[in-house]
C-alpha atoms as a PDB file:
ATOM      1  CA  MET A   1      -0.314  -7.735  -5.185  1.00  0.00           C
ATOM      2  CA  ASN A   2      -1.003 -10.611  -2.364  1.00  0.00           C
ATOM      3  CA  LYS A   3      -1.880 -14.188  -3.575  1.00  0.00           C
ATOM      4  CA  SER A   4      -5.753 -13.637  -3.385  1.00  0.00           C
ATOM      5  CA  GLU A   5      -5.383 -10.458  -5.861  1.00  0.00           C
ATOM      6  CA  LEU A   6      -2.854 -12.775  -8.227  1.00  0.00           C
ATOM      7  CA  ILE A   7      -6.067 -15.348  -8.052  1.00  0.00           C
ATOM      8  CA  GLU A   8      -8.617 -12.823  -8.996  1.00  0.00           C
ATOM      9  CA  HIS A   9      -6.514 -11.432 -11.857  1.00  0.00           C
ATOM     10  CA  ILE A  10      -5.970 -15.250 -13.147  1.00  0.00           C
ATOM     11  CA  ALA A  11      -9.647 -15.758 -13.203  1.00  0.00           C
ATOM     12  CA  ARG A  12     -10.517 -12.626 -14.780  1.00  0.00           C
ATOM     13  CA  GLN A  13      -8.093 -12.922 -17.478  1.00  0.00           C
ATOM     14  CA  ALA A  14      -8.438 -16.700 -18.682  1.00  0.00           C
ATOM     15  CA  ASP A  15     -12.232 -16.362 -17.735  1.00  0.00           C
ATOM     16  CA  ILE A  16     -12.299 -19.114 -15.360  1.00  0.00           C
ATOM     17  CA  SER A  17     -13.607 -19.640 -11.872  1.00  0.00           C
ATOM     18  CA  LYS A  18     -11.764 -18.386  -8.544  1.00  0.00           C
ATOM     19  CA  ALA A  19     -11.463 -22.328  -7.626  1.00  0.00           C
ATOM     20  CA  ALA A  20      -9.589 -23.016 -11.052  1.00  0.00           C
ATOM     21  CA  ALA A  21      -7.453 -20.186 -11.080  1.00  0.00           C
ATOM     22  CA  THR A  22      -6.377 -21.392  -7.204  1.00  0.00           C
ATOM     23  CA  ARG A  23      -5.610 -24.859  -8.419  1.00  0.00           C
ATOM     24  CA  ALA A  24      -3.765 -23.691 -11.420  1.00  0.00           C
ATOM     25  CA  LEU A  25      -1.823 -21.402  -9.149  1.00  0.00           C
ATOM     26  CA  GLU A  26      -0.986 -23.827  -6.593  1.00  0.00           C
ATOM     27  CA  ALA A  27      -0.045 -26.474  -9.197  1.00  0.00           C
ATOM     28  CA  VAL A  28       2.454 -23.703 -10.730  1.00  0.00           C
ATOM     29  CA  ILE A  29       4.205 -22.905  -7.228  1.00  0.00           C
ATOM     30  CA  GLY A  30       4.082 -26.996  -6.391  1.00  0.00           C
ATOM     31  CA  GLY A  31       5.993 -27.656  -9.697  1.00  0.00           C
ATOM     32  CA  VAL A  32       8.243 -25.086  -9.008  1.00  0.00           C
ATOM     33  CA  LYS A  33       8.951 -26.123  -5.253  1.00  0.00           C
ATOM     34  CA  THR A  34       9.465 -29.701  -6.479  1.00  0.00           C
ATOM     35  CA  THR A  35      11.834 -28.995  -9.048  1.00  0.00           C
ATOM     36  CA  LEU A  36      14.190 -26.685  -6.863  1.00  0.00           C
ATOM     37  CA  LYS A  37      14.021 -28.949  -4.047  1.00  0.00           C
ATOM     38  CA  LYS A  38      15.331 -31.964  -6.339  1.00  0.00           C
ATOM     39  CA  GLY A  39      18.160 -29.040  -7.465  1.00  0.00           C
ATOM     40  CA  GLY A  40      16.825 -28.256 -10.936  1.00  0.00           C
ATOM     41  CA  SER A  41      15.963 -25.007 -12.249  1.00  0.00           C
ATOM     42  CA  VAL A  42      12.784 -23.551 -13.879  1.00  0.00           C
ATOM     43  CA  THR A  43      12.858 -21.465 -16.857  1.00  0.00           C
ATOM     44  CA  ILE A  44       9.553 -19.588 -17.752  1.00  0.00           C
ATOM     45  CA  VAL A  45      11.089 -18.095 -21.475  1.00  0.00           C
ATOM     46  CA  GLY A  46      10.474 -14.373 -21.261  1.00  0.00           C
ATOM     47  CA  PHE A  47       9.758 -13.966 -17.409  1.00  0.00           C
ATOM     48  CA  GLY A  48      12.923 -15.615 -15.918  1.00  0.00           C
ATOM     49  CA  THR A  49      14.665 -18.350 -14.003  1.00  0.00           C
ATOM     50  CA  PHE A  50      14.219 -19.948 -10.872  1.00  0.00           C
ATOM     51  CA  THR A  51      17.349 -21.569  -9.472  1.00  0.00           C
ATOM     52  CA  VAL A  52      18.799 -23.125  -6.138  1.00  0.00           C
ATOM     53  CA  THR A  53      22.237 -21.411  -4.973  1.00  0.00           C
ATOM     54  CA  LYS A  54      23.926 -22.676  -1.665  1.00  0.00           C
ATOM     55  CA  ARG A  55      24.816 -19.954   0.706  1.00  0.00           C
ATOM     56  CA  ALA A  56      28.023 -20.795   2.674  1.00  0.00           C
ATOM     57  CA  ALA A  57      28.400 -21.093   6.196  1.00  0.00           C
ATOM     58  CA  ARG A  58      29.505 -17.898   7.924  1.00  0.00           C
ATOM     59  CA  THR A  59      30.038 -16.146  11.508  1.00  0.00           C
ATOM     60  CA  GLY A  60      27.459 -13.297  12.350  1.00  0.00           C
ATOM     61  CA  ARG A  61      26.905 -11.180  15.386  1.00  0.00           C
ATOM     62  CA  ASN A  62      24.029 -11.348  17.692  1.00  0.00           C
ATOM     63  CA  PRO A  63      22.721  -7.879  17.686  1.00  0.00           C
ATOM     64  CA  ARG A  64      21.519  -7.897  21.627  1.00  0.00           C
ATOM     65  CA  THR A  65      24.746  -9.023  22.858  1.00  0.00           C
ATOM     66  CA  GLY A  66      27.346  -8.405  20.290  1.00  0.00           C
ATOM     67  CA  GLU A  67      28.691 -12.028  20.691  1.00  0.00           C
ATOM     68  CA  ALA A  68      29.898 -13.982  17.614  1.00  0.00           C
ATOM     69  CA  ILE A  69      27.582 -16.787  16.212  1.00  0.00           C
ATOM     70  CA  LYS A  70      27.887 -19.315  13.575  1.00  0.00           C
ATOM     71  CA  ILE A  71      25.353 -19.381  11.099  1.00  0.00           C
ATOM     72  CA  LYS A  72      24.717 -22.625   8.787  1.00  0.00           C
ATOM     73  CA  SER A  73      24.942 -23.006   4.994  1.00  0.00           C
ATOM     74  CA  ALA A  74      21.817 -23.053   3.496  1.00  0.00           C
ATOM     75  CA  LYS A  75      19.984 -23.613   0.292  1.00  0.00           C
ATOM     76  CA  MET A  76      18.418 -20.514  -1.362  1.00  0.00           C
ATOM     77  CA  ALA A  77      15.754 -19.912  -4.208  1.00  0.00           C
ATOM     78  CA  ARG A  78      17.103 -17.528  -6.574  1.00  0.00           C
ATOM     79  CA  PHE A  79      14.985 -15.506  -9.501  1.00  0.00           C
ATOM     80  CA  ARG A  80      16.874 -13.943 -12.433  1.00  0.00           C
ATOM     81  CA  PRO A  81      14.596 -11.903 -14.542  1.00  0.00           C
ATOM     82  CA  GLY A  82      14.259 -12.869 -17.959  1.00  0.00           C
ATOM     83  CA  LYS A  83      15.178 -10.430 -21.453  1.00  0.00           C
ATOM     84  CA  GLY A  84      11.383 -10.221 -21.597  1.00  0.00           C
ATOM     85  CA  LEU A  85      10.461  -9.106 -17.921  1.00  0.00           C
ATOM     86  CA  ARG A  86      13.481  -6.868 -17.826  1.00  0.00           C
ATOM     87  CA  ASP A  87      12.249  -4.990 -21.322  1.00  0.00           C
ATOM     88  CA  HIS A  88       8.705  -4.739 -20.012  1.00  0.00           C
ATOM     89  CA  LEU A  89      10.091  -2.978 -16.821  1.00  0.00           C
ATOM     90  CA  ASN A  90      12.305  -0.613 -18.917  1.00  0.00           C
END
């Protein structure tokens, strides 16, 4: 499912227009992004938790030349599914 299909699904399920569904989805995504940018976490009970973790700097290899390169440390978004989602899938 891509973003436009998700918007159509939200519009049908909530009985709202696609424009309203788009605004709602953008608001949710924006809220998650803003909270993660500030270093917080977002928990949706029954669905899961979005958190930020830090990946350490490391040495990698250039696949073309085989030469060693340094890869900077980076912040990564992580999602941990909640019990409700895990139960639904299994």
